[in-house]
Amino acid sequence: MTTNRAGGQDRPFGAVLCDIDRLYEIAADRAGARAERCPVVDDLPENIKAAVRLGMTGALFREAADPRAALGALLAPGLPG
């Protein structure tokens, strides 16, 4: 889910969720996935901590180019080699 102008999302949001734990629960539910199967890539440590509390795998990034690398690092261990 992309939620920023750089990612092409410059329209107003339809709803505002302030509870990040609840947001991740809703996202997993809508994806039809268990939390353990949901990777989360974010630039805020508190959001990664929330994901991990729910059983998700989290990866922190700091630079604009890092999200893909962080996601790749999450997925690479599960890829057939």
PDB file of N, CA and C in Angstrom:
ATOM      1  N   MET A   1       0.848  -1.164   0.000  1.00  0.00           N
ATOM      2  CA  MET A   1       0.000   0.000   0.000  1.00  0.00           C
ATOM      3  C   MET A   1       0.899   1.233   0.000  1.00  0.00           C
ATOM      4  N   THR A   2       0.720   2.117  -0.946  1.00  0.00           N
ATOM      5  CA  THR A   2       1.496   3.347  -1.020  1.00  0.00           C
ATOM      6  C   THR A   2       0.670   4.481  -0.452  1.00  0.00           C
ATOM      7  N   THR A   3       1.260   5.261   0.420  1.00  0.00           N
ATOM      8  CA  THR A   3       0.491   6.312   1.080  1.00  0.00           C
ATOM      9  C   THR A   3       1.188   7.664   1.049  1.00  0.00           C
ATOM     10  N   ASN A   4       1.929   7.960  -0.005  1.00  0.00           N
ATOM     11  CA  ASN A   4       2.580   9.261  -0.042  1.00  0.00           C
ATOM     12  C   ASN A   4       2.555   9.864  -1.438  1.00  0.00           C
ATOM     13  N   ARG A   5       2.785  11.149  -1.493  1.00  0.00           N
ATOM     14  CA  ARG A   5       2.744  11.866  -2.768  1.00  0.00           C
ATOM     15  C   ARG A   5       3.801  11.338  -3.728  1.00  0.00           C
ATOM     16  N   ALA A   6       5.004  11.051  -3.235  1.00  0.00           N
ATOM     17  CA  ALA A   6       6.070  10.532  -4.096  1.00  0.00           C
ATOM     18  C   ALA A   6       5.650   9.222  -4.743  1.00  0.00           C
ATOM     19  N   GLY A   7       4.808   8.476  -4.063  1.00  0.00           N
ATOM     20  CA  GLY A   7       4.326   7.209  -4.596  1.00  0.00           C
ATOM     21  C   GLY A   7       3.094   7.367  -5.462  1.00  0.00           C
ATOM     22  N   GLY A   8       2.696   8.612  -5.739  1.00  0.00           N
ATOM     23  CA  GLY A   8       1.560   8.857  -6.614  1.00  0.00           C
ATOM     24  C   GLY A   8       0.228   8.981  -5.892  1.00  0.00           C
ATOM     25  N   GLN A   9       0.247   9.016  -4.578  1.00  0.00           N
ATOM     26  CA  GLN A   9      -0.988   9.129  -3.805  1.00  0.00           C
ATOM     27  C   GLN A   9      -1.120  10.548  -3.262  1.00  0.00           C
ATOM     28  N   ASP A  10      -1.598  11.471  -4.084  1.00  0.00           N
ATOM     29  CA  ASP A  10      -1.732  12.845  -3.616  1.00  0.00           C
ATOM     30  C   ASP A  10      -3.183  13.253  -3.387  1.00  0.00           C
ATOM     31  N   ARG A  11      -4.085  12.270  -3.403  1.00  0.00           N
ATOM     32  CA  ARG A  11      -5.495  12.537  -3.107  1.00  0.00           C
ATOM     33  C   ARG A  11      -5.727  12.417  -1.602  1.00  0.00           C
ATOM     34  N   PRO A  12      -6.772  13.069  -1.095  1.00  0.00           N
ATOM     35  CA  PRO A  12      -7.093  12.919   0.329  1.00  0.00           C
ATOM     36  C   PRO A  12      -7.473  11.476   0.647  1.00  0.00           C
ATOM     37  N   PHE A  13      -7.180  11.052   1.853  1.00  0.00           N
ATOM     38  CA  PHE A  13      -7.555   9.719   2.306  1.00  0.00           C
ATOM     39  C   PHE A  13      -9.049   9.670   2.594  1.00  0.00           C
ATOM     40  N   GLY A  14      -9.661   8.508   2.390  1.00  0.00           N
ATOM     41  CA  GLY A  14     -11.073   8.321   2.690  1.00  0.00           C
ATOM     42  C   GLY A  14     -11.326   8.141   4.173  1.00  0.00           C
ATOM     43  N   ALA A  15     -10.312   7.696   4.900  1.00  0.00           N
ATOM     44  CA  ALA A  15     -10.443   7.483   6.340  1.00  0.00           C
ATOM     45  C   ALA A  15      -9.085   7.709   6.983  1.00  0.00           C
ATOM     46  N   VAL A  16      -9.104   8.086   8.238  1.00  0.00           N
ATOM     47  CA  VAL A  16      -7.865   8.282   8.979  1.00  0.00           C
ATOM     48  C   VAL A  16      -7.822   7.273  10.114  1.00  0.00           C
ATOM     49  N   LEU A  17      -6.775   6.476  10.133  1.00  0.00           N
ATOM     50  CA  LEU A  17      -6.575   5.508  11.208  1.00  0.00           C
ATOM     51  C   LEU A  17      -5.356   5.936  12.002  1.00  0.00           C
ATOM     52  N   CYS A  18      -5.536   6.175  13.279  1.00  0.00           N
ATOM     53  CA  CYS A  18      -4.417   6.624  14.108  1.00  0.00           C
ATOM     54  C   CYS A  18      -3.735   5.475  14.824  1.00  0.00           C
ATOM     55  N   ASP A  19      -4.395   4.359  14.957  1.00  0.00           N
ATOM     56  CA  ASP A  19      -3.845   3.211  15.665  1.00  0.00           C
ATOM     57  C   ASP A  19      -3.139   2.309  14.659  1.00  0.00           C
ATOM     58  N   ILE A  20      -1.809   2.363  14.641  1.00  0.00           N
ATOM     59  CA  ILE A  20      -1.053   1.616  13.643  1.00  0.00           C
ATOM     60  C   ILE A  20      -1.267   0.114  13.790  1.00  0.00           C
ATOM     61  N   ASP A  21      -1.418  -0.367  15.028  1.00  0.00           N
ATOM     62  CA  ASP A  21      -1.686  -1.795  15.219  1.00  0.00           C
ATOM     63  C   ASP A  21      -2.974  -2.186  14.502  1.00  0.00           C
ATOM     64  N   ARG A  22      -3.994  -1.375  14.672  1.00  0.00           N
ATOM     65  CA  ARG A  22      -5.284  -1.666  14.041  1.00  0.00           C
ATOM     66  C   ARG A  22      -5.170  -1.573  12.520  1.00  0.00           C
ATOM     67  N   LEU A  23      -4.410  -0.613  12.034  1.00  0.00           N
ATOM     68  CA  LEU A  23      -4.222  -0.477  10.593  1.00  0.00           C
ATOM     69  C   LEU A  23      -3.604  -1.749  10.021  1.00  0.00           C
ATOM     70  N   TYR A  24      -2.578  -2.283  10.687  1.00  0.00           N
ATOM     71  CA  TYR A  24      -1.934  -3.507  10.203  1.00  0.00           C
ATOM     72  C   TYR A  24      -2.879  -4.703  10.291  1.00  0.00           C
ATOM     73  N   GLU A  25      -3.695  -4.764  11.340  1.00  0.00           N
ATOM     74  CA  GLU A  25      -4.685  -5.847  11.448  1.00  0.00           C
ATOM     75  C   GLU A  25      -5.678  -5.784  10.292  1.00  0.00           C
ATOM     76  N   ILE A  26      -6.160  -4.585   9.990  1.00  0.00           N
ATOM     77  CA  ILE A  26      -7.117  -4.404   8.892  1.00  0.00           C
ATOM     78  C   ILE A  26      -6.469  -4.768   7.560  1.00  0.00           C
ATOM     79  N   ALA A  27      -5.225  -4.338   7.352  1.00  0.00           N
ATOM     80  CA  ALA A  27      -4.532  -4.638   6.094  1.00  0.00           C
ATOM     81  C   ALA A  27      -4.383  -6.143   5.900  1.00  0.00           C
ATOM     82  N   ALA A  28      -3.984  -6.853   6.955  1.00  0.00           N
ATOM     83  CA  ALA A  28      -3.831  -8.313   6.858  1.00  0.00           C
ATOM     84  C   ALA A  28      -5.178  -8.966   6.586  1.00  0.00           C
ATOM     85  N   ASP A  29      -6.208  -8.506   7.272  1.00  0.00           N
ATOM     86  CA  ASP A  29      -7.545  -9.067   7.087  1.00  0.00           C
ATOM     87  C   ASP A  29      -8.028  -8.858   5.651  1.00  0.00           C
ATOM     88  N   ARG A  30      -7.857  -7.648   5.140  1.00  0.00           N
ATOM     89  CA  ARG A  30      -8.302  -7.360   3.766  1.00  0.00           C
ATOM     90  C   ARG A  30      -7.500  -8.129   2.727  1.00  0.00           C
ATOM     91  N   ALA A  31      -6.251  -8.434   3.065  1.00  0.00           N
ATOM     92  CA  ALA A  31      -5.419  -9.231   2.155  1.00  0.00           C
ATOM     93  C   ALA A  31      -5.721 -10.717   2.289  1.00  0.00           C
ATOM     94  N   GLY A  32      -6.493 -11.072   3.324  1.00  0.00           N
ATOM     95  CA  GLY A  32      -6.802 -12.479   3.560  1.00  0.00           C
ATOM     96  C   GLY A  32      -5.583 -13.270   3.997  1.00  0.00           C
ATOM     97  N   ALA A  33      -4.681 -12.605   4.718  1.00  0.00           N
ATOM     98  CA  ALA A  33      -3.425 -13.244   5.113  1.00  0.00           C
ATOM     99  C   ALA A  33      -3.246 -13.224   6.627  1.00  0.00           C
ATOM    100  N   ARG A  34      -2.581 -14.259   7.132  1.00  0.00           N
ATOM    101  CA  ARG A  34      -2.195 -14.273   8.542  1.00  0.00           C
ATOM    102  C   ARG A  34      -1.073 -13.254   8.734  1.00  0.00           C
ATOM    103  N   ALA A  35      -0.983 -12.692   9.918  1.00  0.00           N
ATOM    104  CA  ALA A  35       0.038 -11.682  10.206  1.00  0.00           C
ATOM    105  C   ALA A  35       1.438 -12.191   9.884  1.00  0.00           C
ATOM    106  N   GLU A  36       1.703 -13.460  10.173  1.00  0.00           N
ATOM    107  CA  GLU A  36       3.039 -14.031   9.942  1.00  0.00           C
ATOM    108  C   GLU A  36       3.438 -13.998   8.466  1.00  0.00           C
ATOM    109  N   ARG A  37       2.466 -13.873   7.587  1.00  0.00           N
ATOM    110  CA  ARG A  37       2.734 -13.866   6.141  1.00  0.00           C
ATOM    111  C   ARG A  37       2.821 -12.448   5.572  1.00  0.00           C
ATOM    112  N   CYS A  38       2.767 -11.436   6.445  1.00  0.00           N
ATOM    113  CA  CYS A  38       2.745 -10.043   5.995  1.00  0.00           C
ATOM    114  C   CYS A  38       4.062  -9.327   6.280  1.00  0.00           C
ATOM    115  N   PRO A  39       4.807  -8.966   5.237  1.00  0.00           N
ATOM    116  CA  PRO A  39       6.003  -8.146   5.451  1.00  0.00           C
ATOM    117  C   PRO A  39       5.613  -6.672   5.525  1.00  0.00           C
ATOM    118  N   VAL A  40       6.279  -5.931   6.381  1.00  0.00           N
ATOM    119  CA  VAL A  40       6.035  -4.498   6.515  1.00  0.00           C
ATOM    120  C   VAL A  40       7.361  -3.776   6.338  1.00  0.00           C
ATOM    121  N   VAL A  41       7.395  -2.811   5.430  1.00  0.00           N
ATOM    122  CA  VAL A  41       8.574  -1.978   5.205  1.00  0.00           C
ATOM    123  C   VAL A  41       8.167  -0.550   5.528  1.00  0.00           C
ATOM    124  N   ASP A  42       8.900   0.102   6.414  1.00  0.00           N
ATOM    125  CA  ASP A  42       8.535   1.448   6.848  1.00  0.00           C
ATOM    126  C   ASP A  42       9.793   2.211   7.237  1.00  0.00           C
ATOM    127  N   ASP A  43       9.671   3.541   7.308  1.00  0.00           N
ATOM    128  CA  ASP A  43      10.808   4.358   7.719  1.00  0.00           C
ATOM    129  C   ASP A  43      10.724   4.796   9.176  1.00  0.00           C
ATOM    130  N   LEU A  44       9.695   4.359   9.885  1.00  0.00           N
ATOM    131  CA  LEU A  44       9.545   4.711  11.295  1.00  0.00           C
ATOM    132  C   LEU A  44       9.706   3.475  12.175  1.00  0.00           C
ATOM    133  N   PRO A  45      10.678   3.505  13.092  1.00  0.00           N
ATOM    134  CA  PRO A  45      10.899   2.345  13.965  1.00  0.00           C
ATOM    135  C   PRO A  45       9.654   1.934  14.748  1.00  0.00           C
ATOM    136  N   GLU A  46       8.846   2.895  15.180  1.00  0.00           N
ATOM    137  CA  GLU A  46       7.654   2.552  15.961  1.00  0.00           C
ATOM    138  C   GLU A  46       6.643   1.764  15.130  1.00  0.00           C
ATOM    139  N   ASN A  47       6.588   2.010  13.826  1.00  0.00           N
ATOM    140  CA  ASN A  47       5.682   1.248  12.967  1.00  0.00           C
ATOM    141  C   ASN A  47       6.180  -0.178  12.774  1.00  0.00           C
ATOM    142  N   ILE A  48       7.494  -0.348  12.675  1.00  0.00           N
ATOM    143  CA  ILE A  48       8.064  -1.690  12.575  1.00  0.00           C
ATOM    144  C   ILE A  48       7.807  -2.452  13.871  1.00  0.00           C
ATOM    145  N   LYS A  49       7.976  -1.788  15.010  1.00  0.00           N
ATOM    146  CA  LYS A  49       7.710  -2.435  16.304  1.00  0.00           C
ATOM    147  C   LYS A  49       6.259  -2.886  16.395  1.00  0.00           C
ATOM    148  N   ALA A  50       5.338  -2.066  15.904  1.00  0.00           N
ATOM    149  CA  ALA A  50       3.918  -2.435  15.915  1.00  0.00           C
ATOM    150  C   ALA A  50       3.681  -3.670  15.059  1.00  0.00           C
ATOM    151  N   ALA A  51       4.285  -3.720  13.893  1.00  0.00           N
ATOM    152  CA  ALA A  51       4.126  -4.876  13.006  1.00  0.00           C
ATOM    153  C   ALA A  51       4.652  -6.144  13.675  1.00  0.00           C
ATOM    154  N   VAL A  52       5.808  -6.043  14.288  1.00  0.00           N
ATOM    155  CA  VAL A  52       6.415  -7.202  14.955  1.00  0.00           C
ATOM    156  C   VAL A  52       5.550  -7.659  16.127  1.00  0.00           C
ATOM    157  N   ARG A  53       4.958  -6.716  16.867  1.00  0.00           N
ATOM    158  CA  ARG A  53       4.049  -7.080  17.975  1.00  0.00           C
ATOM    159  C   ARG A  53       2.903  -7.956  17.484  1.00  0.00           C
ATOM    160  N   LEU A  54       2.462  -7.726  16.250  1.00  0.00           N
ATOM    161  CA  LEU A  54       1.346  -8.481  15.682  1.00  0.00           C
ATOM    162  C   LEU A  54       1.789  -9.777  15.007  1.00  0.00           C
ATOM    163  N   GLY A  55       3.101 -10.026  14.986  1.00  0.00           N
ATOM    164  CA  GLY A  55       3.603 -11.250  14.375  1.00  0.00           C
ATOM    165  C   GLY A  55       4.066 -11.084  12.943  1.00  0.00           C
ATOM    166  N   MET A  56       4.051  -9.851  12.449  1.00  0.00           N
ATOM    167  CA  MET A  56       4.509  -9.579  11.089  1.00  0.00           C
ATOM    168  C   MET A  56       6.032  -9.455  11.079  1.00  0.00           C
ATOM    169  N   THR A  57       6.610  -9.523   9.898  1.00  0.00           N
ATOM    170  CA  THR A  57       8.041  -9.311   9.740  1.00  0.00           C
ATOM    171  C   THR A  57       8.240  -7.884   9.268  1.00  0.00           C
ATOM    172  N   GLY A  58       9.143  -7.159   9.909  1.00  0.00           N
ATOM    173  CA  GLY A  58       9.347  -5.766   9.559  1.00  0.00           C
ATOM    174  C   GLY A  58      10.753  -5.471   9.104  1.00  0.00           C
ATOM    175  N   ALA A  59      10.866  -4.486   8.212  1.00  0.00           N
ATOM    176  CA  ALA A  59      12.169  -4.012   7.747  1.00  0.00           C
ATOM    177  C   ALA A  59      12.150  -2.489   7.735  1.00  0.00           C
ATOM    178  N   LEU A  60      13.142  -1.904   8.347  1.00  0.00           N
ATOM    179  CA  LEU A  60      13.266  -0.456   8.438  1.00  0.00           C
ATOM    180  C   LEU A  60      14.132   0.062   7.290  1.00  0.00           C
ATOM    181  N   PHE A  61      13.727   1.177   6.681  1.00  0.00           N
ATOM    182  CA  PHE A  61      14.556   1.822   5.663  1.00  0.00           C
ATOM    183  C   PHE A  61      14.713   3.288   6.004  1.00  0.00           C
ATOM    184  N   ARG A  62      15.789   3.886   5.534  1.00  0.00           N
ATOM    185  CA  ARG A  62      16.078   5.293   5.824  1.00  0.00           C
ATOM    186  C   ARG A  62      16.193   6.167   4.578  1.00  0.00           C
ATOM    187  N   GLU A  63      16.583   5.601   3.463  1.00  0.00           N
ATOM    188  CA  GLU A  63      16.791   6.367   2.233  1.00  0.00           C
ATOM    189  C   GLU A  63      15.679   6.062   1.237  1.00  0.00           C
ATOM    190  N   ALA A  64      15.447   6.982   0.310  1.00  0.00           N
ATOM    191  CA  ALA A  64      14.364   6.822  -0.663  1.00  0.00           C
ATOM    192  C   ALA A  64      14.489   5.543  -1.479  1.00  0.00           C
ATOM    193  N   ALA A  65      15.699   5.100  -1.773  1.00  0.00           N
ATOM    194  CA  ALA A  65      15.890   3.893  -2.586  1.00  0.00           C
ATOM    195  C   ALA A  65      15.800   2.615  -1.759  1.00  0.00           C
ATOM    196  N   ASP A  66      15.777   2.728  -0.448  1.00  0.00           N
ATOM    197  CA  ASP A  66      15.842   1.560   0.427  1.00  0.00           C
ATOM    198  C   ASP A  66      14.600   0.673   0.511  1.00  0.00           C
ATOM    199  N   PRO A  67      13.367   1.159   0.284  1.00  0.00           N
ATOM    200  CA  PRO A  67      12.212   0.267   0.476  1.00  0.00           C
ATOM    201  C   PRO A  67      12.289  -1.017  -0.339  1.00  0.00           C
ATOM    202  N   ARG A  68      12.694  -0.925  -1.588  1.00  0.00           N
ATOM    203  CA  ARG A  68      12.775  -2.142  -2.412  1.00  0.00           C
ATOM    204  C   ARG A  68      13.859  -3.068  -1.896  1.00  0.00           C
ATOM    205  N   ALA A  69      14.982  -2.506  -1.490  1.00  0.00           N
ATOM    206  CA  ALA A  69      16.062  -3.332  -0.945  1.00  0.00           C
ATOM    207  C   ALA A  69      15.617  -3.988   0.356  1.00  0.00           C
ATOM    208  N   ALA A  70      14.910  -3.236   1.207  1.00  0.00           N
ATOM    209  CA  ALA A  70      14.437  -3.789   2.474  1.00  0.00           C
ATOM    210  C   ALA A  70      13.430  -4.905   2.227  1.00  0.00           C
ATOM    211  N   LEU A  71      12.518  -4.700   1.292  1.00  0.00           N
ATOM    212  CA  LEU A  71      11.539  -5.734   0.970  1.00  0.00           C
ATOM    213  C   LEU A  71      12.240  -6.947   0.363  1.00  0.00           C
ATOM    214  N   GLY A  72      13.206  -6.709  -0.497  1.00  0.00           N
ATOM    215  CA  GLY A  72      13.967  -7.810  -1.083  1.00  0.00           C
ATOM    216  C   GLY A  72      14.668  -8.633  -0.022  1.00  0.00           C
ATOM    217  N   ALA A  73      15.204  -7.969   0.998  1.00  0.00           N
ATOM    218  CA  ALA A  73      15.869  -8.677   2.086  1.00  0.00           C
ATOM    219  C   ALA A  73      14.875  -9.526   2.871  1.00  0.00           C
ATOM    220  N   LEU A  74      13.641  -9.054   2.987  1.00  0.00           N
ATOM    221  CA  LEU A  74      12.608  -9.831   3.683  1.00  0.00           C
ATOM    222  C   LEU A  74      12.220 -11.065   2.886  1.00  0.00           C
ATOM    223  N   LEU A  75      12.122 -10.918   1.578  1.00  0.00           N
ATOM    224  CA  LEU A  75      11.629 -11.999   0.734  1.00  0.00           C
ATOM    225  C   LEU A  75      12.714 -12.974   0.302  1.00  0.00           C
ATOM    226  N   ALA A  76      13.953 -12.520   0.194  1.00  0.00           N
ATOM    227  CA  ALA A  76      15.040 -13.358  -0.315  1.00  0.00           C
ATOM    228  C   ALA A  76      15.213 -14.678   0.434  1.00  0.00           C
ATOM    229  N   PRO A  77      15.127 -14.718   1.778  1.00  0.00           N
ATOM    230  CA  PRO A  77      15.328 -16.001   2.455  1.00  0.00           C
ATOM    231  C   PRO A  77      14.317 -17.073   2.048  1.00  0.00           C
ATOM    232  N   GLY A  78      13.130 -16.648   1.596  1.00  0.00           N
ATOM    233  CA  GLY A  78      12.098 -17.612   1.229  1.00  0.00           C
ATOM    234  C   GLY A  78      12.129 -18.038  -0.224  1.00  0.00           C
ATOM    235  N   LEU A  79      13.006 -17.434  -1.007  1.00  0.00           N
ATOM    236  CA  LEU A  79      13.059 -17.759  -2.428  1.00  0.00           C
ATOM    237  C   LEU A  79      13.863 -19.031  -2.656  1.00  0.00           C
ATOM    238  N   PRO A  80      13.407 -19.849  -3.599  1.00  0.00           N
ATOM    239  CA  PRO A  80      14.188 -21.051  -3.898  1.00  0.00           C
ATOM    240  C   PRO A  80      15.547 -20.657  -4.455  1.00  0.00           C
ATOM    241  N   GLY A  81      16.592 -21.353  -4.031  1.00  0.00           N
ATOM    242  CA  GLY A  81      17.929 -20.971  -4.458  1.00  0.00           C
ATOM    243  C   GLY A  81      18.502 -21.978  -5.348  1.00  0.00           C
TER     244      GLY A  81
END
